[in-house]
C-alpha atoms as a PDB file:
ATOM      1  CA  MET A   1      74.682 100.730  97.018  1.00  0.00           C
ATOM      2  CA  ALA A   2      76.796 103.824  96.434  1.00  0.00           C
ATOM      3  CA  MET A   3      79.444 103.818  93.703  1.00  0.00           C
ATOM      4  CA  VAL A   4      81.671 106.444  92.135  1.00  0.00           C
ATOM      5  CA  LYS A   5      81.232 106.269  88.348  1.00  0.00           C
ATOM      6  CA  ASP A   6      84.031 105.804  85.774  1.00  0.00           C
ATOM      7  CA  VAL A   7      86.827 104.969  88.160  1.00  0.00           C
ATOM      8  CA  ASP A   8      89.975 104.384  86.067  1.00  0.00           C
ATOM      9  CA  VAL A   9      91.886 101.362  87.387  1.00  0.00           C
ATOM     10  CA  ARG A  10      95.355 100.761  85.920  1.00  0.00           C
ATOM     11  CA  PRO A  11      98.213  98.358  86.525  1.00  0.00           C
ATOM     12  CA  THR A  12     100.244  99.619  89.519  1.00  0.00           C
ATOM     13  CA  GLU A  13     103.107  98.524  91.725  1.00  0.00           C
ATOM     14  CA  HIS A  14     102.954 100.617  94.876  1.00  0.00           C
ATOM     15  CA  CYS A  15      99.933 101.143  97.110  1.00  0.00           C
ATOM     16  CA  GLU A  16     100.151 104.877  97.864  1.00  0.00           C
ATOM     17  CA  THR A  17     100.786 105.904  94.232  1.00  0.00           C
ATOM     18  CA  ALA A  18      98.044 103.507  93.072  1.00  0.00           C
ATOM     19  CA  ALA A  19      95.537 105.282  95.335  1.00  0.00           C
ATOM     20  CA  LEU A  20      96.856 108.733  94.369  1.00  0.00           C
ATOM     21  CA  GLY A  21      96.424 107.877  90.693  1.00  0.00           C
ATOM     22  CA  VAL A  22      92.735 107.031  91.203  1.00  0.00           C
ATOM     23  CA  LEU A  23      92.052 110.246  93.153  1.00  0.00           C
ATOM     24  CA  LEU A  24      93.915 112.518  90.684  1.00  0.00           C
ATOM     25  CA  ARG A  25      92.450 110.973  87.547  1.00  0.00           C
ATOM     26  CA  HIS A  26      89.030 111.677  89.028  1.00  0.00           C
ATOM     27  CA  GLU A  27      90.198 115.336  89.215  1.00  0.00           C
ATOM     28  CA  GLY A  28      91.300 115.254  85.563  1.00  0.00           C
ATOM     29  CA  LEU A  29      95.052 115.008  86.316  1.00  0.00           C
ATOM     30  CA  ASP A  30      96.569 111.995  84.601  1.00  0.00           C
ATOM     31  CA  LEU A  31     100.119 111.188  85.728  1.00  0.00           C
ATOM     32  CA  SER A  32     102.057 107.884  85.473  1.00  0.00           C
ATOM     33  CA  GLU A  33     102.845 106.004  88.616  1.00  0.00           C
ATOM     34  CA  PRO A  34     106.639 106.810  88.435  1.00  0.00           C
ATOM     35  CA  MET A  35     105.763 110.452  87.967  1.00  0.00           C
ATOM     36  CA  LEU A  36     103.544 110.439  91.060  1.00  0.00           C
ATOM     37  CA  PHE A  37     106.288 108.748  93.055  1.00  0.00           C
ATOM     38  CA  GLY A  38     108.924 111.239  91.898  1.00  0.00           C
ATOM     39  CA  LEU A  39     106.871 114.387  92.218  1.00  0.00           C
ATOM     40  CA  GLY A  40     106.015 113.207  95.754  1.00  0.00           C
ATOM     41  CA  SER A  41     109.819 112.980  96.483  1.00  0.00           C
ATOM     42  CA  GLY A  42     109.120 109.401  97.514  1.00  0.00           C
ATOM     43  CA  LEU A  43     112.572 107.874  97.291  1.00  0.00           C
ATOM     44  CA  SER A  44     114.601 107.399 100.468  1.00  0.00           C
ATOM     45  CA  PHE A  45     116.448 104.748 102.455  1.00  0.00           C
ATOM     46  CA  VAL A  46     116.297 103.594 106.057  1.00  0.00           C
ATOM     47  CA  TYR A  47     118.159 100.818 107.884  1.00  0.00           C
ATOM     48  CA  TRP A  48     116.267 100.016 111.108  1.00  0.00           C
ATOM     49  CA  ALA A  49     117.316  97.450 113.666  1.00  0.00           C
ATOM     50  CA  SER A  50     116.001  98.306 117.154  1.00  0.00           C
ATOM     51  CA  LYS A  51     116.340  95.876 120.027  1.00  0.00           C
ATOM     52  CA  ASN A  52     112.627  95.043 120.038  1.00  0.00           C
ATOM     53  CA  MET A  53     112.610  94.014 116.385  1.00  0.00           C
ATOM     54  CA  ASP A  54     112.890  90.362 115.430  1.00  0.00           C
ATOM     55  CA  PHE A  55     114.974  91.217 112.351  1.00  0.00           C
ATOM     56  CA  PRO A  56     116.332  94.409 110.746  1.00  0.00           C
ATOM     57  CA  PHE A  57     114.266  96.357 108.213  1.00  0.00           C
ATOM     58  CA  LEU A  58     115.399  97.960 104.956  1.00  0.00           C
ATOM     59  CA  GLY A  59     113.067 100.652 103.627  1.00  0.00           C
ATOM     60  CA  GLY A  60     113.362 102.433 100.290  1.00  0.00           C
ATOM     61  CA  ARG A  61     110.834 105.228 100.529  1.00  0.00           C
ATOM     62  CA  VAL A  62     109.709 108.064 102.807  1.00  0.00           C
ATOM     63  CA  LYS A  63     107.406 107.197 105.672  1.00  0.00           C
ATOM     64  CA  PRO A  64     103.714 106.401 104.926  1.00  0.00           C
ATOM     65  CA  PHE A  65     101.603 109.358 103.810  1.00  0.00           C
ATOM     66  CA  GLU A  66     104.591 111.683 103.520  1.00  0.00           C
ATOM     67  CA  LEU A  67     104.581 111.054  99.768  1.00  0.00           C
ATOM     68  CA  THR A  68     100.949 112.206  99.615  1.00  0.00           C
ATOM     69  CA  ARG A  69     101.674 115.334 101.569  1.00  0.00           C
ATOM     70  CA  ASN A  70     104.750 116.044  99.422  1.00  0.00           C
ATOM     71  CA  LEU A  71     102.809 115.566  96.188  1.00  0.00           C
ATOM     72  CA  ALA A  72      99.998 117.856  97.307  1.00  0.00           C
ATOM     73  CA  GLY A  73     102.465 120.561  98.313  1.00  0.00           C
ATOM     74  CA  THR A  74     104.520 120.219  95.141  1.00  0.00           C
ATOM     75  CA  LEU A  75     101.528 120.445  92.778  1.00  0.00           C
ATOM     76  CA  GLY A  76      99.459 122.883  94.810  1.00  0.00           C
ATOM     77  CA  LEU A  77      96.635 120.429  95.421  1.00  0.00           C
ATOM     78  CA  GLU A  78      94.110 120.796  98.167  1.00  0.00           C
ATOM     79  CA  LEU A  79      94.634 117.844 100.541  1.00  0.00           C
ATOM     80  CA  ARG A  80      91.816 117.218 103.012  1.00  0.00           C
ATOM     81  CA  VAL A  81      92.713 114.707 105.721  1.00  0.00           C
ATOM     82  CA  GLU A  82      90.263 113.390 108.327  1.00  0.00           C
ATOM     83  CA  GLU A  83      91.170 111.318 111.354  1.00  0.00           C
ATOM     84  CA  THR A  84      89.122 110.199 114.373  1.00  0.00           C
ATOM     85  CA  THR A  85      89.103 107.651 117.137  1.00  0.00           C
ATOM     86  CA  SER A  86      85.411 106.992 116.487  1.00  0.00           C
ATOM     87  CA  PRO A  87      84.621 104.073 114.045  1.00  0.00           C
ATOM     88  CA  ARG A  88      81.156 105.611 113.488  1.00  0.00           C
ATOM     89  CA  LYS A  89      82.556 109.009 112.579  1.00  0.00           C
ATOM     90  CA  ALA A  90      85.275 107.392 110.471  1.00  0.00           C
ATOM     91  CA  TRP A  91      82.656 105.649 108.351  1.00  0.00           C
ATOM     92  CA  GLN A  92      80.597 108.850 107.996  1.00  0.00           C
ATOM     93  CA  ASN A  93      83.726 110.663 106.760  1.00  0.00           C
ATOM     94  CA  VAL A  94      84.158 108.143 103.973  1.00  0.00           C
ATOM     95  CA  ALA A  95      80.597 107.485 103.018  1.00  0.00           C
ATOM     96  CA  ALA A  96      79.777 111.193 102.637  1.00  0.00           C
ATOM     97  CA  HIS A  97      82.430 111.609  99.905  1.00  0.00           C
ATOM     98  CA  ILE A  98      81.463 108.453  98.062  1.00  0.00           C
ATOM     99  CA  ASP A  99      77.780 109.387  98.223  1.00  0.00           C
ATOM    100  CA  ALA A 100      78.756 112.717  96.639  1.00  0.00           C
ATOM    101  CA  GLY A 101      80.603 110.920  93.834  1.00  0.00           C
ATOM    102  CA  ARG A 102      84.199 111.300  94.998  1.00  0.00           C
ATOM    103  CA  PRO A 103      86.692 108.443  95.667  1.00  0.00           C
ATOM    104  CA  VAL A 104      88.526 108.527  98.993  1.00  0.00           C
ATOM    105  CA  GLY A 105      91.988 107.453 100.049  1.00  0.00           C
ATOM    106  CA  LEU A 106      92.314 105.313 103.159  1.00  0.00           C
ATOM    107  CA  GLN A 107      95.330 104.376 105.310  1.00  0.00           C
ATOM    108  CA  LEU A 108      94.868 101.079 107.110  1.00  0.00           C
ATOM    109  CA  ASP A 109      96.455  97.794 108.211  1.00  0.00           C
ATOM    110  CA  SER A 110      96.471  95.389 105.275  1.00  0.00           C
ATOM    111  CA  HIS A 111      96.437  92.336 107.583  1.00  0.00           C
ATOM    112  CA  HIS A 112      92.669  92.612 108.032  1.00  0.00           C
ATOM    113  CA  LEU A 113      91.698  92.930 104.346  1.00  0.00           C
ATOM    114  CA  ASP A 114      89.927  89.842 102.973  1.00  0.00           C
ATOM    115  CA  TYR A 115      91.732  89.757  99.663  1.00  0.00           C
ATOM    116  CA  PHE A 116      95.266  89.812 101.113  1.00  0.00           C
ATOM    117  CA  SER A 117      96.616  86.257 100.845  1.00  0.00           C
ATOM    118  CA  THR A 118      99.711  87.025 102.920  1.00  0.00           C
ATOM    119  CA  LYS A 119      98.576  88.095 106.393  1.00  0.00           C
ATOM    120  CA  VAL A 120     101.266  90.453 107.548  1.00  0.00           C
ATOM    121  CA  HIS A 121     100.600  93.549 109.634  1.00  0.00           C
ATOM    122  CA  PHE A 122     101.425  96.766 107.715  1.00  0.00           C
ATOM    123  CA  GLY A 123      99.719  99.824 109.125  1.00  0.00           C
ATOM    124  CA  GLY A 124     100.971 102.082 106.343  1.00  0.00           C
ATOM    125  CA  HIS A 125      98.959 100.482 103.560  1.00  0.00           C
ATOM    126  CA  VAL A 126      96.923 102.848 101.379  1.00  0.00           C
ATOM    127  CA  VAL A 127      93.972 102.115  99.124  1.00  0.00           C
ATOM    128  CA  ALA A 128      91.372 104.122  97.194  1.00  0.00           C
ATOM    129  CA  MET A 129      87.747 103.396  98.021  1.00  0.00           C
ATOM    130  CA  TYR A 130      85.114 104.074  95.369  1.00  0.00           C
ATOM    131  CA  GLY A 131      81.967 102.269  96.505  1.00  0.00           C
ATOM    132  CA  TYR A 132      80.079 100.262  99.107  1.00  0.00           C
ATOM    133  CA  ASP A 133      76.925  98.310  99.633  1.00  0.00           C
ATOM    134  CA  ASP A 134      75.330  96.642 102.654  1.00  0.00           C
ATOM    135  CA  HIS A 135      78.083  94.041 102.963  1.00  0.00           C
ATOM    136  CA  ASP A 136      81.218  95.075 101.086  1.00  0.00           C
ATOM    137  CA  ALA A 137      83.557  98.013 100.308  1.00  0.00           C
ATOM    138  CA  TYR A 138      84.979  98.363  96.784  1.00  0.00           C
ATOM    139  CA  LEU A 139      88.638  99.375  96.650  1.00  0.00           C
ATOM    140  CA  VAL A 140      91.534  99.942  94.291  1.00  0.00           C
ATOM    141  CA  ASP A 141      94.821  98.337  95.342  1.00  0.00           C
ATOM    142  CA  THR A 142      98.004  97.384  93.477  1.00  0.00           C
ATOM    143  CA  SER A 143      98.000  94.908  90.647  1.00  0.00           C
ATOM    144  CA  GLN A 144      99.711  92.364  92.854  1.00  0.00           C
ATOM    145  CA  GLN A 145      96.666  92.461  95.195  1.00  0.00           C
ATOM    146  CA  GLY A 146      94.132  92.339  92.384  1.00  0.00           C
ATOM    147  CA  GLY A 147      93.614  95.933  91.285  1.00  0.00           C
ATOM    148  CA  SER A 148      89.896  96.438  91.634  1.00  0.00           C
ATOM    149  CA  VAL A 149      88.962  94.450  94.726  1.00  0.00           C
ATOM    150  CA  SER A 150      86.381  94.187  97.517  1.00  0.00           C
ATOM    151  CA  THR A 151      86.460  93.432 101.222  1.00  0.00           C
ATOM    152  CA  SER A 152      83.777  93.086 103.795  1.00  0.00           C
ATOM    153  CA  LEU A 153      82.738  96.200 105.704  1.00  0.00           C
ATOM    154  CA  ALA A 154      83.717  94.397 108.943  1.00  0.00           C
ATOM    155  CA  ALA A 155      87.205  93.652 107.607  1.00  0.00           C
ATOM    156  CA  LEU A 156      87.559  97.272 106.457  1.00  0.00           C
ATOM    157  CA  ALA A 157      86.531  98.553 109.852  1.00  0.00           C
ATOM    158  CA  GLY A 158      89.091  96.323 111.517  1.00  0.00           C
ATOM    159  CA  ALA A 159      91.840  97.430 109.134  1.00  0.00           C
ATOM    160  CA  ARG A 160      91.038 101.091 109.806  1.00  0.00           C
ATOM    161  CA  ALA A 161      90.857 100.682 113.572  1.00  0.00           C
ATOM    162  CA  ALA A 162      94.153  98.773 113.903  1.00  0.00           C
ATOM    163  CA  ARG A 163      96.830 100.211 116.132  1.00  0.00           C
ATOM    164  CA  GLY A 164     100.534  99.603 115.964  1.00  0.00           C
ATOM    165  CA  PRO A 165     103.602 100.712 113.991  1.00  0.00           C
ATOM    166  CA  MET A 166     102.775 103.157 111.129  1.00  0.00           C
ATOM    167  CA  THR A 167      99.043 103.117 111.720  1.00  0.00           C
ATOM    168  CA  ALA A 168      96.848 106.213 111.715  1.00  0.00           C
ATOM    169  CA  ARG A 169      93.553 107.005 113.417  1.00  0.00           C
ATOM    170  CA  HIS A 170      91.015 105.936 110.791  1.00  0.00           C
ATOM    171  CA  ARG A 171      92.765 108.252 108.324  1.00  0.00           C
ATOM    172  CA  SER A 172      90.878 109.136 105.123  1.00  0.00           C
ATOM    173  CA  PHE A 173      91.748 111.783 102.583  1.00  0.00           C
ATOM    174  CA  THR A 174      90.719 113.465  99.399  1.00  0.00           C
ATOM    175  CA  LEU A 175      92.568 115.560  96.800  1.00  0.00           C
ATOM    176  CA  THR A 176      91.192 118.481  94.843  1.00  0.00           C
ATOM    177  CA  ALA A 177      92.965 120.119  91.850  1.00  0.00           C
ATOM    178  CA  PRO A 178      92.188 123.874  91.906  1.00  0.00           C
ATOM    179  CA  GLY A 179      91.771 125.912  88.774  1.00  0.00           C
ATOM    180  CA  GLY A 180      94.983 127.377  87.337  1.00  0.00           C
ATOM    181  CA  LEU A 181      97.094 124.488  88.646  1.00  0.00           C
ATOM    182  CA  THR A 182     100.790 124.866  87.895  1.00  0.00           C
ATOM    183  CA  PRO A 183     101.657 122.364  85.110  1.00  0.00           C
ATOM    184  CA  PRO A 184     103.306 119.284  86.763  1.00  0.00           C
ATOM    185  CA  GLN A 185     106.324 119.482  84.436  1.00  0.00           C
ATOM    186  CA  ASP A 186     107.118 122.860  86.004  1.00  0.00           C
ATOM    187  CA  ARG A 187     107.454 121.164  89.387  1.00  0.00           C
ATOM    188  CA  ILE A 188     109.867 118.415  88.331  1.00  0.00           C
ATOM    189  CA  VAL A 189     113.094 120.185  89.304  1.00  0.00           C
ATOM    190  CA  PRO A 190     111.948 121.295  92.791  1.00  0.00           C
ATOM    191  CA  ALA A 191     110.739 117.766  93.567  1.00  0.00           C
ATOM    192  CA  ILE A 192     113.989 116.172  92.401  1.00  0.00           C
ATOM    193  CA  ARG A 193     116.143 118.653  94.301  1.00  0.00           C
ATOM    194  CA  SER A 194     114.102 118.272  97.483  1.00  0.00           C
ATOM    195  CA  CYS A 195     114.485 114.488  97.326  1.00  0.00           C
ATOM    196  CA  ALA A 196     118.227 114.759  96.656  1.00  0.00           C
ATOM    197  CA  ASP A 197     118.768 117.192  99.530  1.00  0.00           C
ATOM    198  CA  ALA A 198     117.056 114.896 102.007  1.00  0.00           C
ATOM    199  CA  PHE A 199     118.992 111.875 100.706  1.00  0.00           C
ATOM    200  CA  LEU A 200     122.406 113.658 100.836  1.00  0.00           C
ATOM    201  CA  ASN A 201     121.887 115.302 104.228  1.00  0.00           C
ATOM    202  CA  PRO A 202     120.168 112.758 106.477  1.00  0.00           C
ATOM    203  CA  PRO A 203     119.741 113.750 110.127  1.00  0.00           C
ATOM    204  CA  ILE A 204     120.899 110.309 111.378  1.00  0.00           C
ATOM    205  CA  ALA A 205     123.237 107.648 110.053  1.00  0.00           C
ATOM    206  CA  ASN A 206     120.385 105.176 109.361  1.00  0.00           C
ATOM    207  CA  LEU A 207     118.971 107.266 106.533  1.00  0.00           C
ATOM    208  CA  GLY A 208     119.876 108.203 102.962  1.00  0.00           C
ATOM    209  CA  HIS A 209     123.259 107.322 101.509  1.00  0.00           C
ATOM    210  CA  ARG A 210     124.643 107.018 105.058  1.00  0.00           C
ATOM    211  CA  GLY A 211     121.981 104.432 105.798  1.00  0.00           C
ATOM    212  CA  ILE A 212     123.007 102.356 102.803  1.00  0.00           C
ATOM    213  CA  GLU A 213     126.640 102.473 104.037  1.00  0.00           C
ATOM    214  CA  LYS A 214     125.460 101.376 107.460  1.00  0.00           C
ATOM    215  CA  ALA A 215     123.566  98.496 105.876  1.00  0.00           C
ATOM    216  CA  ALA A 216     126.759  97.529 104.044  1.00  0.00           C
ATOM    217  CA  THR A 217     128.480  96.948 107.383  1.00  0.00           C
ATOM    218  CA  GLN A 218     125.525  95.193 109.042  1.00  0.00           C
ATOM    219  CA  VAL A 219     124.084  92.905 106.385  1.00  0.00           C
ATOM    220  CA  PRO A 220     127.176  90.569 106.429  1.00  0.00           C
ATOM    221  CA  LYS A 221     126.286  89.886 110.112  1.00  0.00           C
ATOM    222  CA  TRP A 222     122.705  88.906 109.450  1.00  0.00           C
ATOM    223  CA  LEU A 223     123.247  85.180 109.999  1.00  0.00           C
ATOM    224  CA  GLU A 224     124.292  86.016 113.552  1.00  0.00           C
ATOM    225  CA  ARG A 225     121.264  88.300 113.962  1.00  0.00           C
ATOM    226  CA  THR A 226     118.612  85.650 113.325  1.00  0.00           C
ATOM    227  CA  GLY A 227     117.669  82.271 114.781  1.00  0.00           C
ATOM    228  CA  ASN A 228     115.663  81.438 111.645  1.00  0.00           C
ATOM    229  CA  PRO A 229     117.696  82.452 108.604  1.00  0.00           C
ATOM    230  CA  GLN A 230     115.665  80.286 106.198  1.00  0.00           C
ATOM    231  CA  GLU A 231     112.637  82.494 106.847  1.00  0.00           C
ATOM    232  CA  ASP A 232     114.048  85.882 107.847  1.00  0.00           C
ATOM    233  CA  LEU A 233     116.516  86.391 104.999  1.00  0.00           C
ATOM    234  CA  PRO A 234     114.276  85.308 102.109  1.00  0.00           C
ATOM    235  CA  ARG A 235     111.508  87.460 103.636  1.00  0.00           C
ATOM    236  CA  ALA A 236     113.852  90.472 103.636  1.00  0.00           C
ATOM    237  CA  ALA A 237     114.631  89.838  99.960  1.00  0.00           C
ATOM    238  CA  VAL A 238     110.929  89.620  99.111  1.00  0.00           C
ATOM    239  CA  LEU A 239     110.285  92.897 100.860  1.00  0.00           C
ATOM    240  CA  MET A 240     112.923  94.534  98.636  1.00  0.00           C
ATOM    241  CA  GLU A 241     111.685  93.041  95.408  1.00  0.00           C
ATOM    242  CA  ARG A 242     107.992  92.249  95.570  1.00  0.00           C
ATOM    243  CA  ALA A 243     106.280  93.917  98.555  1.00  0.00           C
ATOM    244  CA  GLY A 244     104.816  96.827  96.602  1.00  0.00           C
ATOM    245  CA  THR A 245     108.217  98.382  95.845  1.00  0.00           C
ATOM    246  CA  GLY A 246     108.088  98.061  92.062  1.00  0.00           C
ATOM    247  CA  GLY A 247     111.286  96.017  92.365  1.00  0.00           C
ATOM    248  CA  ALA A 248     114.781  97.021  93.520  1.00  0.00           C
ATOM    249  CA  LEU A 249     113.508  98.712  96.694  1.00  0.00           C
ATOM    250  CA  PHE A 250     111.623 101.457  94.738  1.00  0.00           C
ATOM    251  CA  ARG A 251     114.702 102.214  92.564  1.00  0.00           C
ATOM    252  CA  ASN A 252     112.899 100.950  89.414  1.00  0.00           C
ATOM    253  CA  LEU A 253     110.132 103.506  90.012  1.00  0.00           C
ATOM    254  CA  TYR A 254     112.624 106.346  90.516  1.00  0.00           C
ATOM    255  CA  ARG A 255     114.628 105.302  87.459  1.00  0.00           C
ATOM    256  CA  ASP A 256     111.486 105.386  85.328  1.00  0.00           C
ATOM    257  CA  PHE A 257     110.524 108.783  86.840  1.00  0.00           C
ATOM    258  CA  LEU A 258     113.887 110.240  85.820  1.00  0.00           C
ATOM    259  CA  ALA A 259     113.464 108.736  82.343  1.00  0.00           C
ATOM    260  CA  GLU A 260     110.121 110.557  81.911  1.00  0.00           C
ATOM    261  CA  CYS A 261     111.728 113.758  83.214  1.00  0.00           C
ATOM    262  CA  ALA A 262     114.456 113.476  80.586  1.00  0.00           C
ATOM    263  CA  GLN A 263     111.732 113.650  77.951  1.00  0.00           C
ATOM    264  CA  GLN A 264     110.778 117.033  79.344  1.00  0.00           C
ATOM    265  CA  ILE A 265     114.161 118.543  80.343  1.00  0.00           C
ATOM    266  CA  ASP A 266     117.417 118.572  78.396  1.00  0.00           C
ATOM    267  CA  ASP A 267     120.023 118.485  81.202  1.00  0.00           C
ATOM    268  CA  ASP A 268     123.261 116.536  81.578  1.00  0.00           C
ATOM    269  CA  HIS A 269     122.845 116.290  85.348  1.00  0.00           C
ATOM    270  CA  LEU A 270     119.418 114.678  84.862  1.00  0.00           C
ATOM    271  CA  ARG A 271     120.825 112.193  82.374  1.00  0.00           C
ATOM    272  CA  THR A 272     123.628 111.328  84.802  1.00  0.00           C
ATOM    273  CA  GLY A 273     121.121 110.788  87.607  1.00  0.00           C
ATOM    274  CA  HIS A 274     119.010 108.542  85.367  1.00  0.00           C
ATOM    275  CA  ARG A 275     122.004 106.465  84.259  1.00  0.00           C
ATOM    276  CA  LEU A 276     123.195 105.992  87.848  1.00  0.00           C
ATOM    277  CA  TYR A 277     119.734 105.041  89.128  1.00  0.00           C
ATOM    278  CA  ALA A 278     119.423 102.445  86.350  1.00  0.00           C
ATOM    279  CA  GLU A 279     122.683 101.005  87.646  1.00  0.00           C
ATOM    280  CA  ALA A 280     121.451 101.221  91.274  1.00  0.00           C
ATOM    281  CA  ALA A 281     118.227  99.358  90.384  1.00  0.00           C
ATOM    282  CA  THR A 282     120.266  96.447  89.002  1.00  0.00           C
ATOM    283  CA  LEU A 283     122.493  96.382  92.037  1.00  0.00           C
ATOM    284  CA  TRP A 284     119.539  96.314  94.501  1.00  0.00           C
ATOM    285  CA  THR A 285     118.077  93.318  92.695  1.00  0.00           C
ATOM    286  CA  ARG A 286     121.497  91.656  93.055  1.00  0.00           C
ATOM    287  CA  VAL A 287     121.510  92.415  96.844  1.00  0.00           C
ATOM    288  CA  ALA A 288     118.037  90.867  97.218  1.00  0.00           C
ATOM    289  CA  ALA A 289     119.188  87.709  95.365  1.00  0.00           C
ATOM    290  CA  LEU A 290     122.276  87.378  97.517  1.00  0.00           C
ATOM    291  CA  VAL A 291     120.305  87.821 100.775  1.00  0.00           C
ATOM    292  CA  ALA A 292     117.788  85.165  99.656  1.00  0.00           C
ATOM    293  CA  ALA A 293     120.617  82.792  98.718  1.00  0.00           C
ATOM    294  CA  ALA A 294     122.212  83.257 102.119  1.00  0.00           C
ATOM    295  CA  GLY A 295     119.004  82.320 103.844  1.00  0.00           C
ATOM    296  CA  GLU A 296     118.499  79.245 101.720  1.00  0.00           C
ATOM    297  CA  SER A 297     122.073  77.984 101.907  1.00  0.00           C
ATOM    298  CA  GLY A 298     123.334  79.373 105.242  1.00  0.00           C
ATOM    299  CA  ASP A 299     126.513  80.492 103.453  1.00  0.00           C
ATOM    300  CA  ALA A 300     127.753  83.808 104.827  1.00  0.00           C
ATOM    301  CA  LYS A 301     129.773  84.439 101.679  1.00  0.00           C
ATOM    302  CA  ASN A 302     126.551  85.606 100.009  1.00  0.00           C
ATOM    303  CA  LEU A 303     126.064  88.237 102.707  1.00  0.00           C
ATOM    304  CA  THR A 304     129.695  89.326 102.475  1.00  0.00           C
ATOM    305  CA  GLU A 305     129.155  89.910  98.752  1.00  0.00           C
ATOM    306  CA  ALA A 306     125.859  91.679  99.456  1.00  0.00           C
ATOM    307  CA  GLY A 307     127.766  94.015 101.788  1.00  0.00           C
ATOM    308  CA  ALA A 308     130.231  94.818  99.058  1.00  0.00           C
ATOM    309  CA  VAL A 309     127.424  95.600  96.645  1.00  0.00           C
ATOM    310  CA  LEU A 310     125.811  97.843  99.252  1.00  0.00           C
ATOM    311  CA  HIS A 311     129.098  99.761  99.642  1.00  0.00           C
ATOM    312  CA  GLU A 312     128.977 100.355  95.901  1.00  0.00           C
ATOM    313  CA  LEU A 313     125.325 101.349  96.089  1.00  0.00           C
ATOM    314  CA  SER A 314     126.074 103.974  98.665  1.00  0.00           C
ATOM    315  CA  ARG A 315     128.565 105.556  96.275  1.00  0.00           C
ATOM    316  CA  VAL A 316     126.329 105.224  93.173  1.00  0.00           C
ATOM    317  CA  GLU A 317     123.288 106.703  94.820  1.00  0.00           C
ATOM    318  CA  ARG A 318     125.303 109.485  96.501  1.00  0.00           C
ATOM    319  CA  ASP A 319     126.799 110.412  93.087  1.00  0.00           C
ATOM    320  CA  ALA A 320     123.350 110.261  91.437  1.00  0.00           C
ATOM    321  CA  MET A 321     121.775 112.553  94.015  1.00  0.00           C
ATOM    322  CA  ARG A 322     124.738 114.983  93.851  1.00  0.00           C
ATOM    323  CA  ALA A 323     124.199 115.287  90.129  1.00  0.00           C
ATOM    324  CA  LEU A 324     120.416 115.712  90.524  1.00  0.00           C
ATOM    325  CA  SER A 325     120.949 118.348  93.201  1.00  0.00           C
ATOM    326  CA  LEU A 326     122.601 120.514  90.506  1.00  0.00           C
ATOM    327  CA  LEU A 327     119.518 120.615  88.269  1.00  0.00           C
ATOM    328  CA  ARG A 328     118.414 124.136  87.420  1.00  0.00           C
ATOM    329  CA  GLN A 329     114.812 125.239  87.208  1.00  0.00           C
ATOM    330  CA  SER A 330     115.580 126.849  83.835  1.00  0.00           C
ATOM    331  CA  GLY A 331     116.615 123.552  82.234  1.00  0.00           C
ATOM    332  CA  ARG A 332     116.076 123.486  78.487  1.00  0.00           C
ATOM    333  CA  PRO A 333     112.994 121.646  77.106  1.00  0.00           C
ATOM    334  CA  SER A 334     114.146 118.305  75.728  1.00  0.00           C
ATOM    335  CA  ARG A 335     114.589 118.153  71.963  1.00  0.00           C
ATOM    336  CA  ARG A 336     113.267 114.603  72.127  1.00  0.00           C
ATOM    337  CA  CYS A 337     109.898 115.650  73.492  1.00  0.00           C
ATOM    338  CA  GLY A 338     107.698 117.022  70.680  1.00  0.00           C
ATOM    339  CA  PRO A 339     104.158 116.567  69.378  1.00  0.00           C
ATOM    340  CA  ASP A 340     105.011 113.027  68.249  1.00  0.00           C
ATOM    341  CA  MET A 341     106.792 112.072  71.497  1.00  0.00           C
ATOM    342  CA  PRO A 342     104.264 112.054  74.335  1.00  0.00           C
ATOM    343  CA  SER A 343     105.887 112.568  77.732  1.00  0.00           C
ATOM    344  CA  GLY A 344     103.308 110.965  80.029  1.00  0.00           C
ATOM    345  CA  LEU A 345     102.620 114.434  81.464  1.00  0.00           C
ATOM    346  CA  PRO A 346      99.620 116.558  80.564  1.00  0.00           C
ATOM    347  CA  ARG A 347     100.480 119.563  78.448  1.00  0.00           C
ATOM    348  CA  PRO A 348     100.041 122.990  80.048  1.00  0.00           C
END
C-alpha cells in the first residue's frame, strides 16, 4: 500500500476545484472552493445543440482542465501534465508521485468509477488520487459523490482509458507552489477581468452572454426538440442544479467568489458585480425549475417563461461583467477586512 499522509478532505461541490483544493493544500496554499473557481476564471456559458446530439446542452463553465491551466497561470504555479496512450505508462506516471508522497490530479470518464451511482459518461471528470493498494485506488471527489472514496484499480484504468467527448489520454497532473509566490489576493483583479473579457466578447454566438440570449430563443422550442420530454427536460434541469455545478449553473460559486473578493477590495464595480450575480443565481435556479416542470407536465408555457427569464439573465450577466471589467488593479483594500475579519485567503 502507498498512501499520501494528511490529505485534507473538505466539503466540495465541483470536481475540478475539489481536486485542485487537495493538491494546493498539500503545497501549503489554502483557498476556498469559490476562490479557486474564480481565480481560475472558471465561469462561462455555452449553448450547444449539434445535429448528432440527442438533446441540447447548457454549460456554465470553461471547458474541462482550462480552469486548472488558468489557475496555474494566474498564481504562477508549476503545472506538470502527463498524457500517454499506454495504460502501463499512465499508471507509472501516477504511482511514482504517490510513492513520493504527492497527490495527483486525474482526468477521466466518471461512468467507469465504482462509487458513481448514476452511470453517465462524462470524460471531463477530475479527481485527486492520494493512495493505492493491490486492489483499489483512493480518491477525493465532490461531497455529492462521497468525498473520500475508493474504486477498483480495474475501474480506474477503464475510466482513464475511455475515449469520447471531453476525454484526455490518461491525463494526470501535479501542481507545485514555488517560493516567493505572488499572494493570491493580488491576482483577483486580473482573474476577474480575464473572465469578464471572455464572457463579453465570445467568438461565436453560442458562448457568453450571446449564448444565454441564444438559449432564450431556443429553450421555448424544447418540447419540439425531444421525443422524450419527461426524461430529457428534468435531466437538463438536474445538470444545471445538481451535477457538480454548486447550483444555478455555477453562478452560486461565482457569487460566493465575488463576495470573498469584496472582503479584500473596496470597489463599487465589484459590489455591483456581486449583487448582479446574486440575482443571476436566483434566476438560474428558476430556469431549472421551469424546465423540470415543463418536462413533467408537457406544458410549453413553462418553457416560454424560462425563455423570458433567460432573456433577463443575458442582460443581468452582461451588466455584471461590464461592471467587473472596470475593476482596477489598484483597488482599495476593503475596510471590512481586518485582523478580526478573515477573508478566506492566506495573508501575504
